[in-house]
Full PDB file with SEQRES, HELIX, SHEET, SSBOND, CRYST1, ORIGX, SCALE, CONECT and MASTER records, all heavy atoms in Angstrom:
SEQRES   1 A   32  GLY LEU VAL GLN ALA GLY GLY SER LEU ARG LEU SER CYS          
SEQRES   2 A   32  THR ALA SER GLY SER ILE TYR SER ILE ASN GLY MET GLY          
SEQRES   3 A   32  TRP TYR ARG ARG ALA PRO                                      
CRYST1    1.000    1.000    1.000  90.00  90.00  90.00 P 1           1          
ORIGX1      1.000000  0.000000  0.000000        0.00000                         
ORIGX2      0.000000  1.000000  0.000000        0.00000                         
ORIGX3      0.000000  0.000000  1.000000        0.00000                         
SCALE1      1.000000  0.000000  0.000000        0.00000                         
SCALE2      0.000000  1.000000  0.000000        0.00000                         
SCALE3      0.000000  0.000000  1.000000        0.00000                         
ATOM      1  N   GLY A   1       5.172  15.396   2.656  1.00  0.00           N  
ATOM      2  CA  GLY A   1       5.615  16.152   3.803  1.00  0.00           C  
ATOM      3  C   GLY A   1       7.024  16.653   3.631  1.00  0.00           C  
ATOM      4  O   GLY A   1       7.583  16.635   2.533  1.00  0.00           O  
ATOM      5  N   LEU A   2       7.587  17.097   4.724  1.00  0.00           N  
ATOM      6  CA  LEU A   2       8.951  17.615   4.744  1.00  0.00           C  
ATOM      7  C   LEU A   2       9.846  16.618   5.470  1.00  0.00           C  
ATOM      8  O   LEU A   2       9.553  16.232   6.602  1.00  0.00           O  
ATOM      9  CB  LEU A   2       8.991  18.980   5.436  1.00  0.00           C  
ATOM     10  CG  LEU A   2      10.241  19.831   5.252  1.00  0.00           C  
ATOM     11  CD1 LEU A   2       9.919  21.285   5.560  1.00  0.00           C  
ATOM     12  CD2 LEU A   2      11.373  19.351   6.143  1.00  0.00           C  
ATOM     13  N   VAL A   3      10.900  16.202   4.796  1.00  0.00           N  
ATOM     14  CA  VAL A   3      11.840  15.254   5.384  1.00  0.00           C  
ATOM     15  C   VAL A   3      13.260  15.715   5.140  1.00  0.00           C  
ATOM     16  O   VAL A   3      13.532  16.515   4.236  1.00  0.00           O  
ATOM     17  CB  VAL A   3      11.656  13.832   4.817  1.00  0.00           C  
ATOM     18  CG1 VAL A   3      10.271  13.292   5.161  1.00  0.00           C  
ATOM     19  CG2 VAL A   3      11.875  13.818   3.312  1.00  0.00           C  
ATOM     20  N   GLN A   4      14.160  15.197   5.943  1.00  0.00           N  
ATOM     21  CA  GLN A   4      15.572  15.489   5.779  1.00  0.00           C  
ATOM     22  C   GLN A   4      16.182  14.597   4.703  1.00  0.00           C  
ATOM     23  O   GLN A   4      15.703  13.492   4.451  1.00  0.00           O  
ATOM     24  CB  GLN A   4      16.318  15.284   7.092  1.00  0.00           C  
ATOM     25  CG  GLN A   4      15.865  16.190   8.224  1.00  0.00           C  
ATOM     26  CD  GLN A   4      16.233  17.636   7.982  1.00  0.00           C  
ATOM     27  OE1 GLN A   4      17.306  17.928   7.434  1.00  0.00           O  
ATOM     28  NE2 GLN A   4      15.371  18.553   8.377  1.00  0.00           N  
ATOM     29  N   ALA A   5      17.214  15.087   4.066  1.00  0.00           N  
ATOM     30  CA  ALA A   5      17.919  14.281   3.075  1.00  0.00           C  
ATOM     31  C   ALA A   5      18.361  12.964   3.697  1.00  0.00           C  
ATOM     32  O   ALA A   5      18.839  12.930   4.827  1.00  0.00           O  
ATOM     33  CB  ALA A   5      19.116  15.046   2.532  1.00  0.00           C  
ATOM     34  N   GLY A   6      18.183  11.895   2.939  1.00  0.00           N  
ATOM     35  CA  GLY A   6      18.511  10.572   3.430  1.00  0.00           C  
ATOM     36  C   GLY A   6      17.348   9.866   4.090  1.00  0.00           C  
ATOM     37  O   GLY A   6      17.428   8.659   4.353  1.00  0.00           O  
ATOM     38  N   GLY A   7      16.277  10.583   4.336  1.00  0.00           N  
ATOM     39  CA  GLY A   7      15.114  10.001   4.962  1.00  0.00           C  
ATOM     40  C   GLY A   7      14.231   9.270   3.980  1.00  0.00           C  
ATOM     41  O   GLY A   7      14.517   9.188   2.785  1.00  0.00           O  
ATOM     42  N   SER A   8      13.135   8.748   4.502  1.00  0.00           N  
ATOM     43  CA  SER A   8      12.203   7.974   3.696  1.00  0.00           C  
ATOM     44  C   SER A   8      10.797   8.521   3.834  1.00  0.00           C  
ATOM     45  O   SER A   8      10.445   9.152   4.833  1.00  0.00           O  
ATOM     46  CB  SER A   8      12.211   6.498   4.114  1.00  0.00           C  
ATOM     47  OG  SER A   8      13.477   5.905   3.910  1.00  0.00           O  
ATOM     48  N   LEU A   9      10.004   8.240   2.831  1.00  0.00           N  
ATOM     49  CA  LEU A   9       8.625   8.685   2.803  1.00  0.00           C  
ATOM     50  C   LEU A   9       7.841   7.724   1.926  1.00  0.00           C  
ATOM     51  O   LEU A   9       8.378   7.212   0.939  1.00  0.00           O  
ATOM     52  CB  LEU A   9       8.539  10.109   2.248  1.00  0.00           C  
ATOM     53  CG  LEU A   9       7.353  10.984   2.629  1.00  0.00           C  
ATOM     54  CD1 LEU A   9       7.323  11.240   4.125  1.00  0.00           C  
ATOM     55  CD2 LEU A   9       7.426  12.310   1.875  1.00  0.00           C  
ATOM     56  N   ARG A  10       6.599   7.478   2.286  1.00  0.00           N  
ATOM     57  CA  ARG A  10       5.751   6.623   1.469  1.00  0.00           C  
ATOM     58  C   ARG A  10       4.487   7.366   1.077  1.00  0.00           C  
ATOM     59  O   ARG A  10       3.715   7.799   1.933  1.00  0.00           O  
ATOM     60  CB  ARG A  10       5.372   5.332   2.193  1.00  0.00           C  
ATOM     61  CG  ARG A  10       4.638   4.339   1.271  1.00  0.00           C  
ATOM     62  CD  ARG A  10       4.304   3.032   1.953  1.00  0.00           C  
ATOM     63  NE  ARG A  10       3.184   3.166   2.876  1.00  0.00           N  
ATOM     64  CZ  ARG A  10       2.505   2.138   3.386  1.00  0.00           C  
ATOM     65  NH1 ARG A  10       2.848   0.885   3.060  1.00  0.00           N  
ATOM     66  NH2 ARG A  10       1.511   2.341   4.229  1.00  0.00           N  
ATOM     67  N   LEU A  11       4.292   7.498  -0.212  1.00  0.00           N  
ATOM     68  CA  LEU A  11       3.102   8.121  -0.744  1.00  0.00           C  
ATOM     69  C   LEU A  11       2.062   7.059  -1.074  1.00  0.00           C  
ATOM     70  O   LEU A  11       2.403   5.953  -1.483  1.00  0.00           O  
ATOM     71  CB  LEU A  11       3.408   8.922  -2.013  1.00  0.00           C  
ATOM     72  CG  LEU A  11       4.515   9.974  -1.933  1.00  0.00           C  
ATOM     73  CD1 LEU A  11       4.628  10.703  -3.262  1.00  0.00           C  
ATOM     74  CD2 LEU A  11       4.256  10.942  -0.786  1.00  0.00           C  
ATOM     75  N   SER A  12       0.811   7.397  -0.896  1.00  0.00           N  
ATOM     76  CA  SER A  12      -0.262   6.492  -1.252  1.00  0.00           C  
ATOM     77  C   SER A  12      -1.309   7.239  -2.059  1.00  0.00           C  
ATOM     78  O   SER A  12      -1.498   8.445  -1.895  1.00  0.00           O  
ATOM     79  CB  SER A  12      -0.896   5.862  -0.009  1.00  0.00           C  
ATOM     80  OG  SER A  12      -1.543   6.835   0.784  1.00  0.00           O  
ATOM     81  N   CYS A  13      -1.979   6.510  -2.904  1.00  0.00           N  
ATOM     82  CA  CYS A  13      -3.045   7.072  -3.721  1.00  0.00           C  
ATOM     83  C   CYS A  13      -4.159   6.052  -3.816  1.00  0.00           C  
ATOM     84  O   CYS A  13      -3.918   4.906  -4.211  1.00  0.00           O  
ATOM     85  CB  CYS A  13      -2.528   7.433  -5.114  1.00  0.00           C  
ATOM     86  SG  CYS A  13      -3.809   7.951  -6.283  1.00  0.00           S  
ATOM     87  N   THR A  14      -5.344   6.471  -3.468  1.00  0.00           N  
ATOM     88  CA  THR A  14      -6.502   5.596  -3.518  1.00  0.00           C  
ATOM     89  C   THR A  14      -7.537   6.154  -4.481  1.00  0.00           C  
ATOM     90  O   THR A  14      -7.897   7.330  -4.399  1.00  0.00           O  
ATOM     91  CB  THR A  14      -7.131   5.425  -2.132  1.00  0.00           C  
ATOM     92  OG1 THR A  14      -6.183   4.833  -1.240  1.00  0.00           O  
ATOM     93  CG2 THR A  14      -8.359   4.528  -2.208  1.00  0.00           C  
ATOM     94  N   ALA A  15      -7.990   5.311  -5.375  1.00  0.00           N  
ATOM     95  CA  ALA A  15      -9.012   5.688  -6.340  1.00  0.00           C  
ATOM     96  C   ALA A  15     -10.362   5.180  -5.877  1.00  0.00           C  
ATOM     97  O   ALA A  15     -10.495   4.036  -5.440  1.00  0.00           O  
ATOM     98  CB  ALA A  15      -8.684   5.125  -7.719  1.00  0.00           C  
ATOM     99  N   SER A  16     -11.355   6.017  -5.979  1.00  0.00           N  
ATOM    100  CA  SER A  16     -12.705   5.640  -5.594  1.00  0.00           C  
ATOM    101  C   SER A  16     -13.696   6.210  -6.587  1.00  0.00           C  
ATOM    102  O   SER A  16     -13.374   7.110  -7.364  1.00  0.00           O  
ATOM    103  CB  SER A  16     -13.028   6.121  -4.182  1.00  0.00           C  
ATOM    104  OG  SER A  16     -12.978   7.537  -4.106  1.00  0.00           O  
ATOM    105  N   GLY A  17     -14.909   5.688  -6.543  1.00  0.00           N  
ATOM    106  CA  GLY A  17     -15.950   6.153  -7.438  1.00  0.00           C  
ATOM    107  C   GLY A  17     -16.221   5.166  -8.554  1.00  0.00           C  
ATOM    108  O   GLY A  17     -15.979   3.970  -8.421  1.00  0.00           O  
ATOM    109  N   SER A  18     -16.717   5.683  -9.641  1.00  0.00           N  
ATOM    110  CA  SER A  18     -17.140   4.856 -10.771  1.00  0.00           C  
ATOM    111  C   SER A  18     -15.967   4.481 -11.662  1.00  0.00           C  
ATOM    112  O   SER A  18     -15.880   4.901 -12.824  1.00  0.00           O  
ATOM    113  CB  SER A  18     -18.216   5.581 -11.572  1.00  0.00           C  
ATOM    114  OG  SER A  18     -19.348   5.871 -10.774  1.00  0.00           O  
ATOM    115  N   ILE A  19     -15.091   3.690 -11.110  1.00  0.00           N  
ATOM    116  CA  ILE A  19     -13.968   3.182 -11.882  1.00  0.00           C  
ATOM    117  C   ILE A  19     -14.106   1.664 -11.960  1.00  0.00           C  
ATOM    118  O   ILE A  19     -14.200   0.981 -10.935  1.00  0.00           O  
ATOM    119  CB  ILE A  19     -12.618   3.610 -11.276  1.00  0.00           C  
ATOM    120  CG1 ILE A  19     -11.469   3.214 -12.200  1.00  0.00           C  
ATOM    121  CG2 ILE A  19     -12.446   3.066  -9.867  1.00  0.00           C  
ATOM    122  CD1 ILE A  19     -10.164   3.900 -11.853  1.00  0.00           C  
ATOM    123  N   TYR A  20     -14.129   1.166 -13.174  1.00  0.00           N  
ATOM    124  CA  TYR A  20     -14.421  -0.243 -13.396  1.00  0.00           C  
ATOM    125  C   TYR A  20     -13.193  -1.098 -13.644  1.00  0.00           C  
ATOM    126  O   TYR A  20     -13.190  -2.291 -13.329  1.00  0.00           O  
ATOM    127  CB  TYR A  20     -15.399  -0.382 -14.567  1.00  0.00           C  
ATOM    128  CG  TYR A  20     -16.657   0.418 -14.380  1.00  0.00           C  
ATOM    129  CD1 TYR A  20     -16.843   1.636 -15.045  1.00  0.00           C  
ATOM    130  CD2 TYR A  20     -17.658  -0.018 -13.520  1.00  0.00           C  
ATOM    131  CE1 TYR A  20     -17.983   2.379 -14.854  1.00  0.00           C  
ATOM    132  CE2 TYR A  20     -18.804   0.727 -13.334  1.00  0.00           C  
ATOM    133  CZ  TYR A  20     -18.970   1.921 -14.002  1.00  0.00           C  
ATOM    134  OH  TYR A  20     -20.112   2.657 -13.813  1.00  0.00           O  
ATOM    135  N   SER A  21     -12.190  -0.506 -14.199  1.00  0.00           N  
ATOM    136  CA  SER A  21     -10.950  -1.225 -14.424  1.00  0.00           C  
ATOM    137  C   SER A  21      -9.789  -0.242 -14.388  1.00  0.00           C  
ATOM    138  O   SER A  21      -9.911   0.896 -14.828  1.00  0.00           O  
ATOM    139  CB  SER A  21     -10.972  -1.973 -15.757  1.00  0.00           C  
ATOM    140  OG  SER A  21     -11.050  -1.078 -16.849  1.00  0.00           O  
ATOM    141  N   ILE A  22      -8.693  -0.710 -13.852  1.00  0.00           N  
ATOM    142  CA  ILE A  22      -7.485   0.101 -13.779  1.00  0.00           C  
ATOM    143  C   ILE A  22      -6.402  -0.605 -14.581  1.00  0.00           C  
ATOM    144  O   ILE A  22      -5.931  -1.674 -14.204  1.00  0.00           O  
ATOM    145  CB  ILE A  22      -7.044   0.312 -12.326  1.00  0.00           C  
ATOM    146  CG1 ILE A  22      -8.124   1.058 -11.543  1.00  0.00           C  
ATOM    147  CG2 ILE A  22      -5.721   1.064 -12.284  1.00  0.00           C  
ATOM    148  CD1 ILE A  22      -7.803   1.260 -10.081  1.00  0.00           C  
ATOM    149  N   ASN A  23      -6.036   0.002 -15.666  1.00  0.00           N  
ATOM    150  CA  ASN A  23      -5.034  -0.584 -16.550  1.00  0.00           C  
ATOM    151  C   ASN A  23      -3.613  -0.208 -16.155  1.00  0.00           C  
ATOM    152  O   ASN A  23      -2.665  -0.877 -16.559  1.00  0.00           O  
ATOM    153  CB  ASN A  23      -5.298  -0.171 -17.991  1.00  0.00           C  
ATOM    154  CG  ASN A  23      -6.636  -0.671 -18.492  1.00  0.00           C  
ATOM    155  OD1 ASN A  23      -6.952  -1.848 -18.360  1.00  0.00           O  
ATOM    156  ND2 ASN A  23      -7.430   0.215 -19.073  1.00  0.00           N  
ATOM    157  N   GLY A  24      -3.496   0.851 -15.390  1.00  0.00           N  
ATOM    158  CA  GLY A  24      -2.190   1.264 -14.939  1.00  0.00           C  
ATOM    159  C   GLY A  24      -2.298   2.364 -13.906  1.00  0.00           C  
ATOM    160  O   GLY A  24      -3.275   3.105 -13.886  1.00  0.00           O  
ATOM    161  N   MET A  25      -1.310   2.450 -13.062  1.00  0.00           N  
ATOM    162  CA  MET A  25      -1.242   3.505 -12.067  1.00  0.00           C  
ATOM    163  C   MET A  25       0.197   3.987 -11.999  1.00  0.00           C  
ATOM    164  O   MET A  25       1.128   3.242 -12.310  1.00  0.00           O  
ATOM    165  CB  MET A  25      -1.701   3.021 -10.690  1.00  0.00           C  
ATOM    166  CG  MET A  25      -3.102   2.429 -10.670  1.00  0.00           C  
ATOM    167  SD  MET A  25      -3.675   1.973  -9.017  1.00  0.00           S  
ATOM    168  CE  MET A  25      -4.085   3.611  -8.356  1.00  0.00           C  
ATOM    169  N   GLY A  26       0.355   5.220 -11.597  1.00  0.00           N  
ATOM    170  CA  GLY A  26       1.711   5.727 -11.534  1.00  0.00           C  
ATOM    171  C   GLY A  26       1.825   7.024 -10.780  1.00  0.00           C  
ATOM    172  O   GLY A  26       0.848   7.567 -10.259  1.00  0.00           O  
ATOM    173  N   TRP A  27       3.044   7.481 -10.715  1.00  0.00           N  
ATOM    174  CA  TRP A  27       3.367   8.725 -10.040  1.00  0.00           C  
ATOM    175  C   TRP A  27       4.186   9.619 -10.959  1.00  0.00           C  
ATOM    176  O   TRP A  27       5.109   9.155 -11.635  1.00  0.00           O  
ATOM    177  CB  TRP A  27       4.153   8.463  -8.752  1.00  0.00           C  
ATOM    178  CG  TRP A  27       3.353   7.800  -7.681  1.00  0.00           C  
ATOM    179  CD1 TRP A  27       3.250   6.472  -7.426  1.00  0.00           C  
ATOM    180  CD2 TRP A  27       2.534   8.458  -6.713  1.00  0.00           C  
ATOM    181  NE1 TRP A  27       2.420   6.249  -6.367  1.00  0.00           N  
ATOM    182  CE2 TRP A  27       1.960   7.452  -5.901  1.00  0.00           C  
ATOM    183  CE3 TRP A  27       2.223   9.790  -6.448  1.00  0.00           C  
ATOM    184  CZ2 TRP A  27       1.101   7.736  -4.844  1.00  0.00           C  
ATOM    185  CZ3 TRP A  27       1.369  10.085  -5.396  1.00  0.00           C  
ATOM    186  CH2 TRP A  27       0.825   9.064  -4.609  1.00  0.00           C  
ATOM    187  N   TYR A  28       3.836  10.886 -10.959  1.00  0.00           N  
ATOM    188  CA  TYR A  28       4.565  11.911 -11.669  1.00  0.00           C  
ATOM    189  C   TYR A  28       4.903  13.015 -10.680  1.00  0.00           C  
ATOM    190  O   TYR A  28       4.273  13.127  -9.627  1.00  0.00           O  
ATOM    191  CB  TYR A  28       3.735  12.480 -12.822  1.00  0.00           C  
ATOM    192  CG  TYR A  28       3.436  11.479 -13.925  1.00  0.00           C  
ATOM    193  CD1 TYR A  28       2.514  10.453 -13.723  1.00  0.00           C  
ATOM    194  CD2 TYR A  28       4.069  11.569 -15.158  1.00  0.00           C  
ATOM    195  CE1 TYR A  28       2.242   9.532 -14.729  1.00  0.00           C  
ATOM    196  CE2 TYR A  28       3.798  10.661 -16.168  1.00  0.00           C  
ATOM    197  CZ  TYR A  28       2.884   9.648 -15.944  1.00  0.00           C  
ATOM    198  OH  TYR A  28       2.612   8.740 -16.948  1.00  0.00           O  
ATOM    199  N   ARG A  29       5.871  13.814 -11.016  1.00  0.00           N  
ATOM    200  CA  ARG A  29       6.224  14.912 -10.139  1.00  0.00           C  
ATOM    201  C   ARG A  29       6.611  16.136 -10.960  1.00  0.00           C  
ATOM    202  O   ARG A  29       7.027  16.023 -12.110  1.00  0.00           O  
ATOM    203  CB  ARG A  29       7.373  14.534  -9.194  1.00  0.00           C  
ATOM    204  CG  ARG A  29       8.722  14.344  -9.878  1.00  0.00           C  
ATOM    205  CD  ARG A  29       9.760  13.845  -8.893  1.00  0.00           C  
ATOM    206  NE  ARG A  29      11.065  13.664  -9.514  1.00  0.00           N  
ATOM    207  CZ  ARG A  29      12.096  13.078  -8.926  1.00  0.00           C  
ATOM    208  NH1 ARG A  29      11.982  12.604  -7.684  1.00  0.00           N  
ATOM    209  NH2 ARG A  29      13.254  12.959  -9.572  1.00  0.00           N  
ATOM    210  N   ARG A  30       6.446  17.296 -10.344  1.00  0.00           N  
ATOM    211  CA  ARG A  30       6.804  18.543 -10.982  1.00  0.00           C  
ATOM    212  C   ARG A  30       7.580  19.401  -9.997  1.00  0.00           C  
ATOM    213  O   ARG A  30       7.065  19.766  -8.934  1.00  0.00           O  
ATOM    214  CB  ARG A  30       5.560  19.291 -11.465  1.00  0.00           C  
ATOM    215  CG  ARG A  30       5.879  20.616 -12.151  1.00  0.00           C  
ATOM    216  CD  ARG A  30       4.611  21.313 -12.625  1.00  0.00           C  
ATOM    217  NE  ARG A  30       3.728  21.630 -11.525  1.00  0.00           N  
ATOM    218  CZ  ARG A  30       3.871  22.674 -10.723  1.00  0.00           C  
ATOM    219  NH1 ARG A  30       4.887  23.507 -10.903  1.00  0.00           N  
ATOM    220  NH2 ARG A  30       3.007  22.888  -9.750  1.00  0.00           N  
ATOM    221  N   ALA A  31       8.798  19.680 -10.350  1.00  0.00           N  
ATOM    222  CA  ALA A  31       9.615  20.586  -9.560  1.00  0.00           C  
ATOM    223  C   ALA A  31       9.303  22.017  -9.973  1.00  0.00           C  
ATOM    224  O   ALA A  31       8.852  22.270 -11.095  1.00  0.00           O  
ATOM    225  CB  ALA A  31      11.093  20.276  -9.758  1.00  0.00           C  
ATOM    226  N   PRO A  32       9.533  22.977  -9.097  1.00  0.00           N  
ATOM    227  CA  PRO A  32       9.252  24.370  -9.433  1.00  0.00           C  
ATOM    228  C   PRO A  32       9.965  24.801 -10.707  1.00  0.00           C  
ATOM    229  O   PRO A  32      11.171  24.587 -10.860  1.00  0.00           O  
ATOM    230  CB  PRO A  32       9.773  25.139  -8.219  1.00  0.00           C  
ATOM    231  CG  PRO A  32       9.666  24.159  -7.095  1.00  0.00           C  
ATOM    232  CD  PRO A  32      10.006  22.830  -7.717  1.00  0.00           C  
TER     233      PRO A  32                                                      
MASTER        0    0    0    0    0    0    0    6  232    1    0    3          
END                                                                             
C-alpha cells in the first residue's frame, strides 16, 4: 500500500497448492 515515511507495513505471502516442502522463503523488490 501507500504509507508515509516513518510508517510501518507488514507484507504477507501464503503458498498453496501442490507444494510438499519449503526449503526457503524470501522477499525481493524492484524499484522503477
